Amino acid sequence: MERVQKLFCVALLLAVLAIASNIANAQSTICKMPVAGLMACKPSVTPPNPTAPSADCCSALSHADINCLCSYKNSNLLPSLGIDPKLAMQLPGKCKLPHPANC
């Protein structure tokens, strides 16, 4: 069950990252996460050699509406943008953030 929740959160984050990459205005936010924060997380969810999440990524993720991000979990958009949902689900843990119960 926890793995499913993590995958859901990762997929949601990846969908957000995908949307963010198409937004020209850097001041925009998705689920209370600025596009710059989403882009800071992208290297951590992109195979084949993902990096550890940066401080900027974790800071942005800590202010995000995770339940909103979770609403993107079943999106096909994330894989189409090169984002690995499994890696995205690991971000909250790597940033030492709690996982939402229903994600």
PDB file of N, CA and C in Angstrom:
ATOM      1  N   MET A   1       0.818  -1.186   0.000  1.00  0.00           N
ATOM      2  CA  MET A   1       0.000   0.000   0.000  1.00  0.00           C
ATOM      3  C   MET A   1       0.869   1.258   0.000  1.00  0.00           C
ATOM      4  N   GLU A   2       1.917   1.266   0.819  1.00  0.00           N
ATOM      5  CA  GLU A   2       2.799   2.428   0.874  1.00  0.00           C
ATOM      6  C   GLU A   2       3.467   2.658  -0.477  1.00  0.00           C
ATOM      7  N   ARG A   3       3.837   1.586  -1.143  1.00  0.00           N
ATOM      8  CA  ARG A   3       4.475   1.722  -2.453  1.00  0.00           C
ATOM      9  C   ARG A   3       3.516   2.351  -3.458  1.00  0.00           C
ATOM     10  N   VAL A   4       2.269   1.957  -3.394  1.00  0.00           N
ATOM     11  CA  VAL A   4       1.254   2.518  -4.287  1.00  0.00           C
ATOM     12  C   VAL A   4       1.094   4.003  -3.996  1.00  0.00           C
ATOM     13  N   GLN A   5       1.085   4.364  -2.729  1.00  0.00           N
ATOM     14  CA  GLN A   5       0.961   5.770  -2.364  1.00  0.00           C
ATOM     15  C   GLN A   5       2.154   6.564  -2.875  1.00  0.00           C
ATOM     16  N   LYS A   6       3.334   6.007  -2.737  1.00  0.00           N
ATOM     17  CA  LYS A   6       4.533   6.689  -3.212  1.00  0.00           C
ATOM     18  C   LYS A   6       4.485   6.855  -4.723  1.00  0.00           C
ATOM     19  N   LEU A   7       4.089   5.805  -5.428  1.00  0.00           N
ATOM     20  CA  LEU A   7       4.006   5.885  -6.888  1.00  0.00           C
ATOM     21  C   LEU A   7       3.010   6.950  -7.313  1.00  0.00           C
ATOM     22  N   PHE A   8       1.923   7.038  -6.590  1.00  0.00           N
ATOM     23  CA  PHE A   8       0.921   8.053  -6.888  1.00  0.00           C
ATOM     24  C   PHE A   8       1.515   9.446  -6.739  1.00  0.00           C
ATOM     25  N   CYS A   9       2.218   9.684  -5.656  1.00  0.00           N
ATOM     26  CA  CYS A   9       2.820  11.000  -5.424  1.00  0.00           C
ATOM     27  C   CYS A   9       3.868  11.324  -6.478  1.00  0.00           C
ATOM     28  N   VAL A  10       4.658  10.347  -6.830  1.00  0.00           N
ATOM     29  CA  VAL A  10       5.693  10.554  -7.835  1.00  0.00           C
ATOM     30  C   VAL A  10       5.066  10.885  -9.179  1.00  0.00           C
ATOM     31  N   ALA A  11       4.052  10.121  -9.545  1.00  0.00           N
ATOM     32  CA  ALA A  11       3.394  10.366 -10.821  1.00  0.00           C
ATOM     33  C   ALA A  11       2.793  11.758 -10.858  1.00  0.00           C
ATOM     34  N   LEU A  12       2.232  12.154  -9.756  1.00  0.00           N
ATOM     35  CA  LEU A  12       1.651  13.476  -9.671  1.00  0.00           C
ATOM     36  C   LEU A  12       2.722  14.537  -9.826  1.00  0.00           C
ATOM     37  N   LEU A  13       3.812  14.365  -9.138  1.00  0.00           N
ATOM     38  CA  LEU A  13       4.909  15.323  -9.231  1.00  0.00           C
ATOM     39  C   LEU A  13       5.431  15.377 -10.661  1.00  0.00           C
ATOM     40  N   LEU A  14       5.541  14.249 -11.283  1.00  0.00           N
ATOM     41  CA  LEU A  14       6.028  14.203 -12.653  1.00  0.00           C
ATOM     42  C   LEU A  14       5.083  14.925 -13.603  1.00  0.00           C
ATOM     43  N   ALA A  15       3.802  14.762 -13.383  1.00  0.00           N
ATOM     44  CA  ALA A  15       2.836  15.465 -14.220  1.00  0.00           C
ATOM     45  C   ALA A  15       2.998  16.965 -14.053  1.00  0.00           C
ATOM     46  N   VAL A  16       3.204  17.369 -12.846  1.00  0.00           N
ATOM     47  CA  VAL A  16       3.401  18.780 -12.565  1.00  0.00           C
ATOM     48  C   VAL A  16       4.672  19.278 -13.247  1.00  0.00           C
ATOM     49  N   LEU A  17       5.724  18.475 -13.172  1.00  0.00           N
ATOM     50  CA  LEU A  17       6.976  18.851 -13.832  1.00  0.00           C
ATOM     51  C   LEU A  17       6.769  18.988 -15.336  1.00  0.00           C
ATOM     52  N   ALA A  18       6.010  18.093 -15.884  1.00  0.00           N
ATOM     53  CA  ALA A  18       5.745  18.139 -17.320  1.00  0.00           C
ATOM     54  C   ALA A  18       4.988  19.396 -17.699  1.00  0.00           C
ATOM     55  N   ILE A  19       3.990  19.713 -16.916  1.00  0.00           N
ATOM     56  CA  ILE A  19       3.211  20.921 -17.173  1.00  0.00           C
ATOM     57  C   ILE A  19       4.096  22.147 -17.014  1.00  0.00           C
ATOM     58  N   ALA A  20       4.938  22.109 -15.994  1.00  0.00           N
ATOM     59  CA  ALA A  20       5.808  23.252 -15.712  1.00  0.00           C
ATOM     60  C   ALA A  20       6.759  23.530 -16.864  1.00  0.00           C
ATOM     61  N   SER A  21       7.234  22.481 -17.508  1.00  0.00           N
ATOM     62  CA  SER A  21       8.178  22.687 -18.590  1.00  0.00           C
ATOM     63  C   SER A  21       7.538  23.380 -19.794  1.00  0.00           C
ATOM     64  N   ASN A  22       6.218  23.385 -19.843  1.00  0.00           N
ATOM     65  CA  ASN A  22       5.498  24.030 -20.940  1.00  0.00           C
ATOM     66  C   ASN A  22       4.993  25.422 -20.586  1.00  0.00           C
ATOM     67  N   ILE A  23       5.268  25.870 -19.390  1.00  0.00           N
ATOM     68  CA  ILE A  23       4.798  27.184 -18.962  1.00  0.00           C
ATOM     69  C   ILE A  23       5.918  28.192 -19.129  1.00  0.00           C
ATOM     70  N   ALA A  24       5.652  29.228 -19.864  1.00  0.00           N
ATOM     71  CA  ALA A  24       6.691  30.219 -20.144  1.00  0.00           C
ATOM     72  C   ALA A  24       6.924  31.168 -18.975  1.00  0.00           C
ATOM     73  N   ASN A  25       5.907  31.439 -18.217  1.00  0.00           N
ATOM     74  CA  ASN A  25       6.023  32.399 -17.126  1.00  0.00           C
ATOM     75  C   ASN A  25       6.611  31.744 -15.894  1.00  0.00           C
ATOM     76  N   ALA A  26       7.835  32.115 -15.521  1.00  0.00           N
ATOM     77  CA  ALA A  26       8.529  31.509 -14.396  1.00  0.00           C
ATOM     78  C   ALA A  26       7.852  31.815 -13.066  1.00  0.00           C
ATOM     79  N   GLN A  27       6.937  32.769 -13.026  1.00  0.00           N
ATOM     80  CA  GLN A  27       6.239  33.110 -11.794  1.00  0.00           C
ATOM     81  C   GLN A  27       5.033  32.207 -11.556  1.00  0.00           C
ATOM     82  N   SER A  28       4.703  31.373 -12.486  1.00  0.00           N
ATOM     83  CA  SER A  28       3.549  30.488 -12.352  1.00  0.00           C
ATOM     84  C   SER A  28       3.817  29.412 -11.308  1.00  0.00           C
ATOM     85  N   THR A  29       2.722  28.898 -10.760  1.00  0.00           N
ATOM     86  CA  THR A  29       2.833  27.803  -9.809  1.00  0.00           C
ATOM     87  C   THR A  29       1.874  26.698 -10.209  1.00  0.00           C
ATOM     88  N   ILE A  30       2.203  25.507  -9.779  1.00  0.00           N
ATOM     89  CA  ILE A  30       1.343  24.349  -9.951  1.00  0.00           C
ATOM     90  C   ILE A  30       1.260  23.688  -8.594  1.00  0.00           C
ATOM     91  N   CYS A  31       0.055  23.571  -8.089  1.00  0.00           N
ATOM     92  CA  CYS A  31      -0.150  22.976  -6.766  1.00  0.00           C
ATOM     93  C   CYS A  31       0.713  23.659  -5.712  1.00  0.00           C
ATOM     94  N   LYS A  32       0.762  24.976  -5.796  1.00  0.00           N
ATOM     95  CA  LYS A  32       1.515  25.827  -4.872  1.00  0.00           C
ATOM     96  C   LYS A  32       3.026  25.612  -4.950  1.00  0.00           C
ATOM     97  N   MET A  33       3.477  25.041  -6.039  1.00  0.00           N
ATOM     98  CA  MET A  33       4.906  24.826  -6.250  1.00  0.00           C
ATOM     99  C   MET A  33       5.326  25.651  -7.456  1.00  0.00           C
ATOM    100  N   PRO A  34       6.265  26.575  -7.274  1.00  0.00           N
ATOM    101  CA  PRO A  34       6.683  27.402  -8.413  1.00  0.00           C
ATOM    102  C   PRO A  34       7.346  26.554  -9.499  1.00  0.00           C
ATOM    103  N   VAL A  35       7.194  27.018 -10.716  1.00  0.00           N
ATOM    104  CA  VAL A  35       7.782  26.296 -11.846  1.00  0.00           C
ATOM    105  C   VAL A  35       9.287  26.105 -11.638  1.00  0.00           C
ATOM    106  N   ALA A  36       9.945  27.110 -11.089  1.00  0.00           N
ATOM    107  CA  ALA A  36      11.388  26.977 -10.840  1.00  0.00           C
ATOM    108  C   ALA A  36      11.673  25.822  -9.891  1.00  0.00           C
ATOM    109  N   GLY A  37      10.813  25.620  -8.905  1.00  0.00           N
ATOM    110  CA  GLY A  37      10.976  24.499  -7.985  1.00  0.00           C
ATOM    111  C   GLY A  37      10.754  23.171  -8.670  1.00  0.00           C
ATOM    112  N   LEU A  38       9.752  23.130  -9.541  1.00  0.00           N
ATOM    113  CA  LEU A  38       9.499  21.902 -10.294  1.00  0.00           C
ATOM    114  C   LEU A  38      10.697  21.552 -11.169  1.00  0.00           C
ATOM    115  N   MET A  39      11.231  22.568 -11.812  1.00  0.00           N
ATOM    116  CA  MET A  39      12.376  22.322 -12.684  1.00  0.00           C
ATOM    117  C   MET A  39      13.618  21.925 -11.875  1.00  0.00           C
ATOM    118  N   ALA A  40      13.720  22.442 -10.647  1.00  0.00           N
ATOM    119  CA  ALA A  40      14.843  22.062  -9.787  1.00  0.00           C
ATOM    120  C   ALA A  40      14.771  20.586  -9.434  1.00  0.00           C
ATOM    121  N   CYS A  41      13.571  20.019  -9.425  1.00  0.00           N
ATOM    122  CA  CYS A  41      13.395  18.597  -9.086  1.00  0.00           C
ATOM    123  C   CYS A  41      13.556  17.664 -10.290  1.00  0.00           C
ATOM    124  N   LYS A  42      13.447  18.194 -11.477  1.00  0.00           N
ATOM    125  CA  LYS A  42      13.447  17.326 -12.663  1.00  0.00           C
ATOM    126  C   LYS A  42      14.684  16.437 -12.779  1.00  0.00           C
ATOM    127  N   PRO A  43      15.895  16.911 -12.488  1.00  0.00           N
ATOM    128  CA  PRO A  43      17.055  16.006 -12.594  1.00  0.00           C
ATOM    129  C   PRO A  43      16.981  14.805 -11.648  1.00  0.00           C
ATOM    130  N   SER A  44      16.186  14.925 -10.604  1.00  0.00           N
ATOM    131  CA  SER A  44      16.061  13.838  -9.628  1.00  0.00           C
ATOM    132  C   SER A  44      15.039  12.785 -10.027  1.00  0.00           C
ATOM    133  N   VAL A  45      14.264  13.066 -11.052  1.00  0.00           N
ATOM    134  CA  VAL A  45      13.223  12.126 -11.473  1.00  0.00           C
ATOM    135  C   VAL A  45      13.381  11.703 -12.931  1.00  0.00           C
ATOM    136  N   THR A  46      14.544  12.021 -13.490  1.00  0.00           N
ATOM    137  CA  THR A  46      14.807  11.714 -14.890  1.00  0.00           C
ATOM    138  C   THR A  46      15.895  10.642 -14.998  1.00  0.00           C
ATOM    139  N   PRO A  47      15.550   9.473 -15.555  1.00  0.00           N
ATOM    140  CA  PRO A  47      16.564   8.438 -15.741  1.00  0.00           C
ATOM    141  C   PRO A  47      17.482   8.801 -16.902  1.00  0.00           C
ATOM    142  N   PRO A  48      18.608   8.184 -17.096  1.00  0.00           N
ATOM    143  CA  PRO A  48      19.052   6.988 -16.380  1.00  0.00           C
ATOM    144  C   PRO A  48      19.904   7.284 -15.150  1.00  0.00           C
ATOM    145  N   ASN A  49      20.344   8.513 -14.967  1.00  0.00           N
ATOM    146  CA  ASN A  49      21.226   8.842 -13.851  1.00  0.00           C
ATOM    147  C   ASN A  49      20.645   9.994 -13.031  1.00  0.00           C
ATOM    148  N   PRO A  50      19.576   9.715 -12.283  1.00  0.00           N
ATOM    149  CA  PRO A  50      18.975  10.795 -11.499  1.00  0.00           C
ATOM    150  C   PRO A  50      19.929  11.279 -10.409  1.00  0.00           C
ATOM    151  N   THR A  51      19.838  12.553 -10.123  1.00  0.00           N
ATOM    152  CA  THR A  51      20.666  13.142  -9.078  1.00  0.00           C
ATOM    153  C   THR A  51      19.879  13.181  -7.767  1.00  0.00           C
ATOM    154  N   ALA A  52      20.586  13.401  -6.686  1.00  0.00           N
ATOM    155  CA  ALA A  52      19.906  13.616  -5.406  1.00  0.00           C
ATOM    156  C   ALA A  52      19.142  14.929  -5.501  1.00  0.00           C
ATOM    157  N   PRO A  53      17.987  15.030  -4.853  1.00  0.00           N
ATOM    158  CA  PRO A  53      17.250  16.289  -4.929  1.00  0.00           C
ATOM    159  C   PRO A  53      18.042  17.434  -4.294  1.00  0.00           C
ATOM    160  N   SER A  54      18.013  18.564  -4.947  1.00  0.00           N
ATOM    161  CA  SER A  54      18.721  19.743  -4.452  1.00  0.00           C
ATOM    162  C   SER A  54      17.945  20.379  -3.310  1.00  0.00           C
ATOM    163  N   ALA A  55      18.610  21.289  -2.612  1.00  0.00           N
ATOM    164  CA  ALA A  55      17.942  22.039  -1.540  1.00  0.00           C
ATOM    165  C   ALA A  55      16.775  22.839  -2.115  1.00  0.00           C
ATOM    166  N   ASP A  56      16.952  23.391  -3.316  1.00  0.00           N
ATOM    167  CA  ASP A  56      15.874  24.153  -3.956  1.00  0.00           C
ATOM    168  C   ASP A  56      14.675  23.259  -4.256  1.00  0.00           C
ATOM    169  N   CYS A  57      14.941  22.059  -4.721  1.00  0.00           N
ATOM    170  CA  CYS A  57      13.876  21.096  -5.007  1.00  0.00           C
ATOM    171  C   CYS A  57      13.114  20.773  -3.725  1.00  0.00           C
ATOM    172  N   CYS A  58      13.826  20.402  -2.690  1.00  0.00           N
ATOM    173  CA  CYS A  58      13.185  20.010  -1.427  1.00  0.00           C
ATOM    174  C   CYS A  58      12.427  21.165  -0.792  1.00  0.00           C
ATOM    175  N   SER A  59      12.979  22.357  -0.891  1.00  0.00           N
ATOM    176  CA  SER A  59      12.293  23.524  -0.346  1.00  0.00           C
ATOM    177  C   SER A  59      10.980  23.760  -1.078  1.00  0.00           C
ATOM    178  N   ALA A  60      11.015  23.700  -2.385  1.00  0.00           N
ATOM    179  CA  ALA A  60       9.794  23.895  -3.173  1.00  0.00           C
ATOM    180  C   ALA A  60       8.779  22.801  -2.870  1.00  0.00           C
ATOM    181  N   LEU A  61       9.244  21.573  -2.771  1.00  0.00           N
ATOM    182  CA  LEU A  61       8.354  20.448  -2.495  1.00  0.00           C
ATOM    183  C   LEU A  61       7.724  20.579  -1.113  1.00  0.00           C
ATOM    184  N   SER A  62       8.461  21.133  -0.167  1.00  0.00           N
ATOM    185  CA  SER A  62       7.941  21.275   1.199  1.00  0.00           C
ATOM    186  C   SER A  62       6.796  22.280   1.272  1.00  0.00           C
ATOM    187  N   HIS A  63       6.713  23.178   0.316  1.00  0.00           N
ATOM    188  CA  HIS A  63       5.643  24.181   0.297  1.00  0.00           C
ATOM    189  C   HIS A  63       4.506  23.810  -0.656  1.00  0.00           C
ATOM    190  N   ALA A  64       4.680  22.720  -1.371  1.00  0.00           N
ATOM    191  CA  ALA A  64       3.687  22.319  -2.369  1.00  0.00           C
ATOM    192  C   ALA A  64       2.464  21.676  -1.717  1.00  0.00           C
ATOM    193  N   ASP A  65       1.369  21.707  -2.436  1.00  0.00           N
ATOM    194  CA  ASP A  65       0.157  20.999  -2.042  1.00  0.00           C
ATOM    195  C   ASP A  65       0.296  19.579  -2.597  1.00  0.00           C
ATOM    196  N   ILE A  66       0.791  18.682  -1.757  1.00  0.00           N
ATOM    197  CA  ILE A  66       1.089  17.320  -2.205  1.00  0.00           C
ATOM    198  C   ILE A  66      -0.173  16.595  -2.666  1.00  0.00           C
ATOM    199  N   ASN A  67      -1.291  16.821  -1.995  1.00  0.00           N
ATOM    200  CA  ASN A  67      -2.526  16.170  -2.434  1.00  0.00           C
ATOM    201  C   ASN A  67      -2.919  16.628  -3.832  1.00  0.00           C
ATOM    202  N   CYS A  68      -2.676  17.884  -4.128  1.00  0.00           N
ATOM    203  CA  CYS A  68      -2.919  18.387  -5.482  1.00  0.00           C
ATOM    204  C   CYS A  68      -1.993  17.682  -6.472  1.00  0.00           C
ATOM    205  N   LEU A  69      -0.722  17.583  -6.098  1.00  0.00           N
ATOM    206  CA  LEU A  69       0.234  16.894  -6.973  1.00  0.00           C
ATOM    207  C   LEU A  69      -0.172  15.443  -7.184  1.00  0.00           C
ATOM    208  N   CYS A  70      -0.704  14.826  -6.147  1.00  0.00           N
ATOM    209  CA  CYS A  70      -1.128  13.424  -6.242  1.00  0.00           C
ATOM    210  C   CYS A  70      -2.245  13.225  -7.256  1.00  0.00           C
ATOM    211  N   SER A  71      -2.993  14.283  -7.530  1.00  0.00           N
ATOM    212  CA  SER A  71      -4.091  14.147  -8.486  1.00  0.00           C
ATOM    213  C   SER A  71      -3.582  13.853  -9.901  1.00  0.00           C
ATOM    214  N   TYR A  72      -2.295  14.019 -10.120  1.00  0.00           N
ATOM    215  CA  TYR A  72      -1.700  13.738 -11.429  1.00  0.00           C
ATOM    216  C   TYR A  72      -1.089  12.342 -11.511  1.00  0.00           C
ATOM    217  N   LYS A  73      -1.254  11.535 -10.495  1.00  0.00           N
ATOM    218  CA  LYS A  73      -0.523  10.269 -10.400  1.00  0.00           C
ATOM    219  C   LYS A  73      -0.762   9.307 -11.557  1.00  0.00           C
ATOM    220  N   ASN A  74      -1.906   9.301 -12.135  1.00  0.00           N
ATOM    221  CA  ASN A  74      -2.202   8.357 -13.216  1.00  0.00           C
ATOM    222  C   ASN A  74      -2.002   8.948 -14.604  1.00  0.00           C
ATOM    223  N   SER A  75      -1.387  10.086 -14.653  1.00  0.00           N
ATOM    224  CA  SER A  75      -1.184  10.763 -15.928  1.00  0.00           C
ATOM    225  C   SER A  75      -0.139  10.049 -16.774  1.00  0.00           C
ATOM    226  N   ASN A  76      -0.383   9.980 -18.061  1.00  0.00           N
ATOM    227  CA  ASN A  76       0.601   9.453 -19.008  1.00  0.00           C
ATOM    228  C   ASN A  76       1.596  10.531 -19.405  1.00  0.00           C
ATOM    229  N   LEU A  77       1.359  11.731 -18.950  1.00  0.00           N
ATOM    230  CA  LEU A  77       2.198  12.853 -19.311  1.00  0.00           C
ATOM    231  C   LEU A  77       3.604  12.714 -18.759  1.00  0.00           C
ATOM    232  N   LEU A  78       3.734  12.242 -17.549  1.00  0.00           N
ATOM    233  CA  LEU A  78       5.049  12.149 -16.921  1.00  0.00           C
ATOM    234  C   LEU A  78       6.022  11.284 -17.718  1.00  0.00           C
ATOM    235  N   PRO A  79       5.664  10.044 -18.014  1.00  0.00           N
ATOM    236  CA  PRO A  79       6.591   9.224 -18.807  1.00  0.00           C
ATOM    237  C   PRO A  79       6.866   9.827 -20.184  1.00  0.00           C
ATOM    238  N   SER A  80       5.877  10.512 -20.749  1.00  0.00           N
ATOM    239  CA  SER A  80       6.082  11.104 -22.072  1.00  0.00           C
ATOM    240  C   SER A  80       7.105  12.239 -22.023  1.00  0.00           C
ATOM    241  N   LEU A  81       7.346  12.791 -20.832  1.00  0.00           N
ATOM    242  CA  LEU A  81       8.332  13.854 -20.655  1.00  0.00           C
ATOM    243  C   LEU A  81       9.656  13.335 -20.109  1.00  0.00           C
ATOM    244  N   GLY A  82       9.790  12.020 -20.062  1.00  0.00           N
ATOM    245  CA  GLY A  82      11.036  11.436 -19.589  1.00  0.00           C
ATOM    246  C   GLY A  82      11.136  11.338 -18.079  1.00  0.00           C
ATOM    247  N   ILE A  83      10.042  11.529 -17.395  1.00  0.00           N
ATOM    248  CA  ILE A  83      10.034  11.468 -15.943  1.00  0.00           C
ATOM    249  C   ILE A  83       9.627  10.069 -15.495  1.00  0.00           C
ATOM    250  N   ASP A  84      10.408   9.506 -14.601  1.00  0.00           N
ATOM    251  CA  ASP A  84      10.138   8.174 -14.072  1.00  0.00           C
ATOM    252  C   ASP A  84       9.265   8.309 -12.819  1.00  0.00           C
ATOM    253  N   PRO A  85       8.022   7.824 -12.870  1.00  0.00           N
ATOM    254  CA  PRO A  85       7.133   7.936 -11.711  1.00  0.00           C
ATOM    255  C   PRO A  85       7.713   7.311 -10.439  1.00  0.00           C
ATOM    256  N   LYS A  86       8.461   6.241 -10.576  1.00  0.00           N
ATOM    257  CA  LYS A  86       9.061   5.604  -9.394  1.00  0.00           C
ATOM    258  C   LYS A  86      10.052   6.550  -8.722  1.00  0.00           C
ATOM    259  N   LEU A  87      10.838   7.248  -9.530  1.00  0.00           N
ATOM    260  CA  LEU A  87      11.784   8.211  -8.966  1.00  0.00           C
ATOM    261  C   LEU A  87      11.048   9.385  -8.323  1.00  0.00           C
ATOM    262  N   ALA A  88       9.984   9.827  -8.949  1.00  0.00           N
ATOM    263  CA  ALA A  88       9.215  10.942  -8.403  1.00  0.00           C
ATOM    264  C   ALA A  88       8.612  10.579  -7.048  1.00  0.00           C
ATOM    265  N   MET A  89       8.164   9.348  -6.891  1.00  0.00           N
ATOM    266  CA  MET A  89       7.580   8.923  -5.626  1.00  0.00           C
ATOM    267  C   MET A  89       8.609   8.898  -4.497  1.00  0.00           C
ATOM    268  N   GLN A  90       9.861   8.821  -4.847  1.00  0.00           N
ATOM    269  CA  GLN A  90      10.911   8.781  -3.836  1.00  0.00           C
ATOM    270  C   GLN A  90      11.304  10.175  -3.334  1.00  0.00           C
ATOM    271  N   LEU A  91      10.909  11.205  -4.051  1.00  0.00           N
ATOM    272  CA  LEU A  91      11.330  12.563  -3.685  1.00  0.00           C
ATOM    273  C   LEU A  91      10.946  12.990  -2.269  1.00  0.00           C
ATOM    274  N   PRO A  92       9.705  12.816  -1.850  1.00  0.00           N
ATOM    275  CA  PRO A  92       9.388  13.255  -0.484  1.00  0.00           C
ATOM    276  C   PRO A  92      10.293  12.595   0.561  1.00  0.00           C
ATOM    277  N   GLY A  93      10.512  11.319   0.435  1.00  0.00           N
ATOM    278  CA  GLY A  93      11.388  10.622   1.387  1.00  0.00           C
ATOM    279  C   GLY A  93      12.818  11.130   1.330  1.00  0.00           C
ATOM    280  N   LYS A  94      13.311  11.361   0.130  1.00  0.00           N
ATOM    281  CA  LYS A  94      14.680  11.855  -0.022  1.00  0.00           C
ATOM    282  C   LYS A  94      14.817  13.276   0.525  1.00  0.00           C
ATOM    283  N   CYS A  95      13.721  14.005   0.515  1.00  0.00           N
ATOM    284  CA  CYS A  95      13.719  15.358   1.059  1.00  0.00           C
ATOM    285  C   CYS A  95      13.313  15.365   2.541  1.00  0.00           C
ATOM    286  N   LYS A  96      13.134  14.176   3.103  1.00  0.00           N
ATOM    287  CA  LYS A  96      12.739  14.032   4.509  1.00  0.00           C
ATOM    288  C   LYS A  96      11.396  14.720   4.792  1.00  0.00           C
ATOM    289  N   LEU A  97      10.464  14.530   3.865  1.00  0.00           N
ATOM    290  CA  LEU A  97       9.119  15.078   3.995  1.00  0.00           C
ATOM    291  C   LEU A  97       8.129  13.938   4.182  1.00  0.00           C
ATOM    292  N   PRO A  98       7.045  14.165   4.901  1.00  0.00           N
ATOM    293  CA  PRO A  98       6.049  13.101   5.079  1.00  0.00           C
ATOM    294  C   PRO A  98       5.279  12.858   3.788  1.00  0.00           C
ATOM    295  N   HIS A  99       4.817  11.625   3.640  1.00  0.00           N
ATOM    296  CA  HIS A  99       3.978  11.265   2.509  1.00  0.00           C
ATOM    297  C   HIS A  99       2.518  11.439   2.936  1.00  0.00           C
ATOM    298  N   PRO A 100       1.709  12.062   2.103  1.00  0.00           N
ATOM    299  CA  PRO A 100       0.300  12.195   2.468  1.00  0.00           C
ATOM    300  C   PRO A 100      -0.380  10.820   2.490  1.00  0.00           C
ATOM    301  N   ALA A 101      -1.323  10.672   3.369  1.00  0.00           N
ATOM    302  CA  ALA A 101      -1.979   9.375   3.570  1.00  0.00           C
ATOM    303  C   ALA A 101      -2.719   8.882   2.336  1.00  0.00           C
ATOM    304  N   ASN A 102      -3.307   9.746   1.583  1.00  0.00           N
ATOM    305  CA  ASN A 102      -4.134   9.318   0.457  1.00  0.00           C
ATOM    306  C   ASN A 102      -3.480   9.561  -0.894  1.00  0.00           C
ATOM    307  N   CYS A 103      -2.185   9.546  -0.942  1.00  0.00           N
ATOM    308  CA  CYS A 103      -1.499   9.818  -2.188  1.00  0.00           C
ATOM    309  C   CYS A 103      -1.059   8.522  -2.839  1.00  0.00           C
TER     310      CYS A 103
END
